[in-house]
Protein backbone atom coordinates (compact mmCIF):
# COMPACT_ATOMS: atom_id res chain seq x y z
CA MET A 1 103.51 -24.80 86.52
CA VAL A 2 103.16 -26.56 83.16
CA THR A 3 101.30 -24.64 80.44
CA ILE A 4 99.34 -26.88 78.08
CA PRO A 5 99.34 -25.72 74.61
CA PHE A 6 95.75 -24.63 73.28
CA GLU A 7 95.63 -27.17 70.53
CA ASN A 8 96.41 -30.00 73.07
CA ARG A 9 93.90 -29.03 75.66
CA GLN A 10 90.71 -31.12 76.05
CA LEU A 11 87.67 -29.50 74.34
CA PRO A 12 84.53 -29.45 76.35
CA THR A 13 81.92 -32.25 75.36
CA ALA A 14 78.17 -31.90 75.47
CA GLU A 15 78.26 -33.26 78.98
CA ASP A 16 80.41 -30.22 80.10
CA LEU A 17 78.16 -27.73 78.59
CA PRO A 18 74.59 -26.42 79.69
CA SER A 19 71.89 -28.06 77.53
CA SER A 20 69.59 -25.16 77.50
CA ASP A 21 69.85 -21.30 77.79
CA GLU A 22 66.88 -21.63 80.17
CA THR A 23 64.90 -19.10 78.05
CA PRO A 24 61.20 -20.37 77.75
CA VAL A 25 59.29 -20.18 74.56
CA ASP A 26 56.53 -17.67 74.74
CA ASN A 27 54.00 -19.36 72.50
CA GLU A 28 52.87 -22.66 71.53
CA LEU A 29 53.90 -22.31 67.74
CA GLN A 30 57.66 -22.12 68.81
CA ASN A 31 57.24 -25.60 69.89
CA ASP A 32 54.65 -27.02 67.79
CA ILE A 33 55.81 -25.94 64.34
CA PRO A 34 59.46 -27.39 64.66
CA ASN A 35 58.08 -30.58 66.22
CA MET A 36 55.65 -31.02 63.43
CA LEU A 37 58.47 -30.60 60.94
CA LEU A 38 60.52 -33.04 62.83
CA ASN A 39 57.72 -35.66 62.91
CA LEU A 40 57.31 -35.17 59.07
CA LEU A 41 60.98 -35.77 58.52
CA ARG A 42 60.78 -39.05 60.49
CA SER A 43 58.36 -40.30 58.01
CA ILE A 44 59.95 -38.68 54.84
CA TRP A 45 63.49 -39.92 55.77
CA SER A 46 62.49 -43.13 57.70
CA ASP A 47 65.12 -45.14 55.78
CA ARG A 48 67.94 -42.61 56.34
CA GLN A 49 70.11 -42.42 59.45
CA ASP A 50 72.32 -39.34 58.45
CA TRP A 51 70.32 -36.40 59.65
CA PHE A 52 69.43 -34.63 62.79
CA TRP A 53 66.71 -32.24 63.51
CA GLY A 54 67.07 -30.18 66.96
CA VAL A 55 64.18 -28.50 68.49
CA ASP A 56 65.00 -25.60 70.95
CA MET A 57 68.33 -27.14 71.51
CA CYS A 58 71.76 -25.44 72.06
CA TYR A 59 73.98 -25.12 69.10
CA TYR A 60 77.51 -24.61 70.36
CA TYR A 61 79.81 -23.09 67.67
CA GLU A 62 82.81 -21.88 69.58
CA ALA A 63 84.48 -23.59 72.50
CA ASN A 64 85.88 -21.79 75.61
CA ILE A 65 88.40 -24.30 76.99
CA GLU A 66 89.13 -22.34 80.23
CA GLU A 67 85.45 -21.90 81.18
CA PRO A 68 83.32 -24.53 79.14
CA LYS A 69 80.13 -23.06 80.31
CA LYS A 70 81.07 -19.83 78.66
CA SER A 71 81.35 -21.54 75.30
CA LYS A 72 79.34 -19.56 72.60
CA SER A 73 76.08 -20.84 71.49
CA ILE A 74 72.64 -20.12 69.95
CA VAL A 75 69.25 -21.75 70.38
CA PRO A 76 67.25 -21.86 67.22
CA ASP A 77 63.65 -22.90 67.36
CA GLY A 78 64.67 -25.69 64.89
CA PHE A 79 67.73 -26.72 62.97
CA LEU A 80 68.63 -29.50 60.42
CA ALA A 81 72.01 -31.07 60.09
CA ILE A 82 72.82 -33.62 57.47
CA SER A 83 75.74 -36.19 57.23
CA VAL A 84 75.69 -36.76 60.98
CA PRO A 85 74.34 -39.65 62.86
CA ARG A 86 70.62 -39.72 63.37
CA LEU A 87 71.21 -40.90 67.00
CA LYS A 88 74.06 -40.72 69.17
CA ASP A 89 73.05 -43.18 71.83
CA GLU A 90 69.99 -44.16 73.88
CA GLY A 91 69.95 -40.86 75.75
CA GLY A 92 70.05 -38.77 72.61
CA ARG A 93 71.96 -35.51 72.15
CA LEU A 94 72.21 -33.10 75.11
CA SER A 95 73.10 -30.36 72.66
CA TYR A 96 74.62 -29.93 69.28
CA VAL A 97 78.41 -29.25 69.64
CA LEU A 98 80.09 -28.27 66.38
CA TRP A 99 83.60 -29.41 67.32
CA GLN A 100 82.14 -32.85 68.18
CA GLU A 101 79.89 -33.13 65.16
CA GLN A 102 82.23 -31.65 62.67
CA VAL A 103 79.21 -30.68 60.61
CA LYS A 104 77.37 -27.15 60.76
CA PRO A 105 73.60 -27.27 60.50
CA ILE A 106 72.60 -26.54 56.91
CA MET A 107 69.30 -24.79 57.97
CA VAL A 108 67.83 -23.02 61.03
CA LEU A 109 64.21 -22.09 61.76
CA GLU A 110 63.10 -19.18 63.80
CA VAL A 111 59.41 -18.80 64.59
CA ILE A 112 58.66 -15.17 65.48
CA SER A 113 56.62 -14.66 68.59
CA LYS A 114 54.82 -11.63 70.05
CA GLU A 115 58.08 -10.70 71.69
CA TYR A 116 60.50 -9.68 68.89
CA ASN A 117 64.03 -11.30 69.32
CA GLY A 118 65.95 -9.68 66.38
CA GLU A 119 65.01 -12.55 63.86
CA TYR A 120 65.23 -9.95 60.84
CA ASP A 121 68.38 -8.33 61.92
CA GLN A 122 70.66 -9.57 64.75
CA LYS A 123 69.86 -13.24 64.42
CA LEU A 124 69.95 -13.10 60.61
CA THR A 125 73.48 -11.46 60.77
CA GLN A 126 74.57 -14.16 63.46
CA TYR A 127 73.46 -17.08 61.28
CA GLN A 128 75.03 -15.46 58.32
CA ASP A 129 78.37 -15.07 60.07
CA LEU A 130 78.05 -18.72 61.42
CA GLY A 131 77.88 -19.87 57.68
CA ILE A 132 74.39 -21.49 57.96
CA LEU A 133 73.24 -22.10 54.43
CA TYR A 134 69.51 -21.68 54.84
CA TYR A 135 67.87 -19.32 57.40
CA VAL A 136 64.08 -19.73 57.51
CA VAL A 137 61.88 -17.30 59.42
CA TYR A 138 58.22 -18.09 60.05
CA ASN A 139 56.06 -15.12 61.21
CA SER A 140 52.37 -15.50 61.94
CA LEU A 141 52.23 -11.68 62.69
CA SER A 142 53.29 -10.73 59.04
CA GLY A 143 51.49 -7.98 57.54
CA ARG A 144 50.89 -6.05 60.80
CA ARG A 145 52.18 -2.51 61.51
CA GLY A 146 55.65 -1.87 62.47
CA ARG A 147 58.57 -4.15 61.60
CA TYR A 148 56.26 -6.99 60.38
CA LYS A 149 54.45 -4.99 57.80
CA ARG A 150 56.89 -5.53 54.94
CA HIS A 151 57.57 -9.20 55.70
CA GLU A 152 55.79 -12.37 54.62
CA SER A 153 54.66 -15.13 56.83
CA LEU A 154 57.52 -17.38 55.41
CA GLU A 155 60.81 -16.01 54.32
CA VAL A 156 63.84 -18.29 53.35
CA TYR A 157 67.26 -16.79 53.10
CA LYS A 158 70.21 -18.45 51.31
CA LEU A 159 73.83 -17.75 52.04
CA ILE A 160 75.21 -16.64 48.73
CA ASP A 161 78.83 -15.14 48.61
CA GLU A 162 78.80 -15.11 52.41
CA LYS A 163 75.56 -12.89 52.49
CA TYR A 164 71.89 -13.87 52.90
CA GLU A 165 69.57 -13.34 49.96
CA LEU A 166 65.85 -13.91 50.18
CA LEU A 167 64.70 -16.52 47.96
CA PRO A 168 61.64 -16.36 45.78
CA SER A 169 59.01 -19.00 46.11
CA VAL A 170 58.86 -21.73 43.31
CA ALA A 171 55.12 -22.24 43.86
CA LEU A 172 52.13 -20.40 45.01
CA LEU A 173 49.61 -22.64 46.67
CA SER A 174 45.91 -22.06 47.40
CA GLU A 175 45.00 -19.66 50.27
CA SER A 176 48.23 -17.68 49.96
CA GLY A 177 50.44 -20.64 50.57
CA LYS A 178 53.97 -20.73 49.17
CA VAL A 179 56.91 -23.14 48.65
CA VAL A 180 60.63 -22.46 48.56
CA TRP A 181 62.87 -25.30 47.14
CA MET A 182 66.17 -26.24 48.88
CA PRO A 183 68.26 -28.33 46.41
CA GLU A 184 71.01 -29.04 48.82
CA ILE A 185 68.60 -30.55 51.20
CA GLY A 186 66.34 -32.20 48.65
CA LEU A 187 63.17 -30.74 50.06
CA GLY A 188 61.02 -27.67 49.79
CA ILE A 189 59.57 -25.80 52.73
CA GLY A 190 56.20 -24.05 52.54
CA CYS A 191 53.23 -23.05 54.44
CA GLU A 192 49.46 -23.58 53.98
CA ARG A 193 46.33 -23.58 55.97
CA ARG A 194 45.50 -27.05 57.29
CA VAL A 195 44.31 -28.94 60.33
CA TRP A 196 46.89 -30.40 62.61
CA GLY A 197 46.37 -31.79 66.20
CA ASN A 198 42.71 -30.45 65.83
CA TRP A 199 44.03 -27.01 65.34
CA GLU A 200 43.28 -25.22 62.09
CA ARG A 201 45.69 -22.45 61.01
CA GLU A 202 48.69 -21.91 58.68
CA TRP A 203 51.44 -24.57 59.13
CA LEU A 204 54.87 -25.37 57.79
CA TYR A 205 55.32 -28.22 55.76
CA TRP A 206 57.92 -30.18 53.72
CA TYR A 207 57.39 -30.45 49.93
CA ASP A 208 58.91 -32.67 47.16
CA ARG A 209 60.35 -31.54 43.94
CA ASP A 210 56.93 -31.30 42.29
CA ASN A 211 55.79 -29.04 45.15
CA VAL A 212 53.59 -31.91 46.43
CA ARG A 213 53.25 -31.62 50.25
CA TYR A 214 54.24 -34.42 52.31
CA PRO A 215 51.26 -35.52 54.47
CA SER A 216 51.19 -35.63 58.12
CA ALA A 217 50.82 -38.90 60.26
CA GLU A 218 47.14 -37.93 60.76
CA GLU A 219 46.63 -37.45 57.13
CA ARG A 220 48.26 -40.56 56.25
CA ALA A 221 46.25 -42.64 58.76
CA GLU A 222 43.02 -40.99 57.49
CA ARG A 223 44.08 -41.64 53.92
CA GLU A 224 44.74 -45.43 54.85
CA ARG A 225 41.30 -45.57 56.50
CA ILE A 226 39.59 -44.13 53.33
CA ILE A 227 41.57 -46.65 51.17
CA ALA A 228 40.60 -49.47 53.56
CA ARG A 229 36.95 -48.47 53.49
CA GLN A 230 36.99 -48.09 49.71
CA GLU A 231 38.60 -51.63 49.38
CA ARG A 232 35.83 -52.89 51.69
CA MET A 233 33.13 -51.45 49.46
CA ILE A 234 34.82 -52.78 46.34
CA ALA A 235 34.96 -56.21 47.92
CA SER A 236 31.35 -56.00 48.96
CA GLN A 237 30.27 -54.75 45.59
CA GLU A 238 32.20 -57.69 43.83
CA ARG A 239 30.67 -60.13 46.29
CA ILE A 240 27.08 -58.88 45.51
CA ALA A 241 27.88 -58.89 41.78
CA LYS A 242 29.12 -62.42 42.03
CA GLN A 243 26.03 -63.49 44.04
CA GLU A 244 23.77 -61.75 41.42
CA ALA A 245 25.55 -63.61 38.48
CA GLU A 246 25.21 -66.86 40.25
CA ALA A 247 21.61 -66.21 40.91
CA ILE A 248 21.19 -65.34 37.16
CA ALA A 249 23.03 -68.43 36.13
CA SER A 250 20.99 -70.60 38.44
CA GLN A 251 17.59 -68.97 37.08
CA GLN A 252 18.82 -69.61 33.49
CA GLY A 253 19.83 -73.09 34.42
CA LEU A 254 16.25 -73.66 35.86
CA ILE A 255 14.65 -72.07 32.71
CA ALA A 256 16.71 -74.48 30.64
CA GLN A 257 15.80 -77.46 32.76
CA GLN A 258 12.17 -76.53 32.49
CA GLU A 259 12.22 -76.24 28.76
CA ARG A 260 14.04 -79.67 28.46
CA GLU A 261 11.41 -81.26 30.58
CA GLN A 262 8.58 -79.73 28.46
CA LYS A 263 10.27 -80.91 25.31
CA GLU A 264 10.66 -84.35 26.79
CA LYS A 265 6.90 -84.52 27.76
CA LEU A 266 5.81 -83.33 24.44
CA ALA A 267 8.09 -85.97 22.81
CA ASN A 268 6.70 -88.68 25.02
CA TYR A 269 3.02 -87.56 24.22
CA LEU A 270 3.68 -87.55 20.55
CA ARG A 271 5.20 -91.11 20.68
CA SER A 272 2.13 -92.28 22.67
CA ILE A 273 -0.09 -91.24 19.78
CA GLY A 274 2.22 -92.89 17.25
CA ILE A 275 4.04 -89.91 15.95
CA ASN A 276 7.80 -89.82 15.83
CA PRO A 277 8.99 -86.41 17.17
CA ASP A 278 12.27 -86.80 15.44
CA GLU A 279 10.43 -86.72 12.15
CA ILE A 280 8.48 -83.53 12.75
């Protein structure tokens, strides 16, 4: 039997690997929040093709050549990779395979649900060991008793000297919102209470360097409707003003014409009685 050296063996591809761990999400937010951030990125980086945001997708970080299906993976609620193709092909990615992409995600997102899954301990340690630069945890249960009491709703950890450090916010927004800036990504991430999809609650958003929130598609559409309405109102006001100016000019012209006719009648009358009006 011929033994193939490890380095010469065929590494498993995304097609060889399970595309899901088959663990269902246990609340809407674990789907809605990552997908909302994805939709915002599609607008913010619409002119860029060098990024990928995965939602509930397997991230394979260590290959098992003998048994590909046992390759090591983790499934974040969301993750961002930069300097990779935006799209692989028409079918999209089945999973994110490190040895194919050659780029680690720069950020991962975990949305804590009612069923605690080790986001503040085991997962934090795992992402730290995997060398993920930013680890973002969103917790709508913050402030409650137990393990959530000492945690804020949004916490962003950065890998510094191979250890995660909790980053301070760079801006405090109204209604307890906050923003944390991530210079390597060129975006801030923050939370504030808004309406999205007819659901009013605290949501995660992307922010620019001045801590200005990037609007959602619904907000942009509403803003465009307001601008269009204002433009129509301005155009209508300008049209009315023009009509009024024309009416005033017409009236002034009529008055001037009447004055000329009256002067002409008076001049004719004076001439009829032998008086030269030019000598008066």
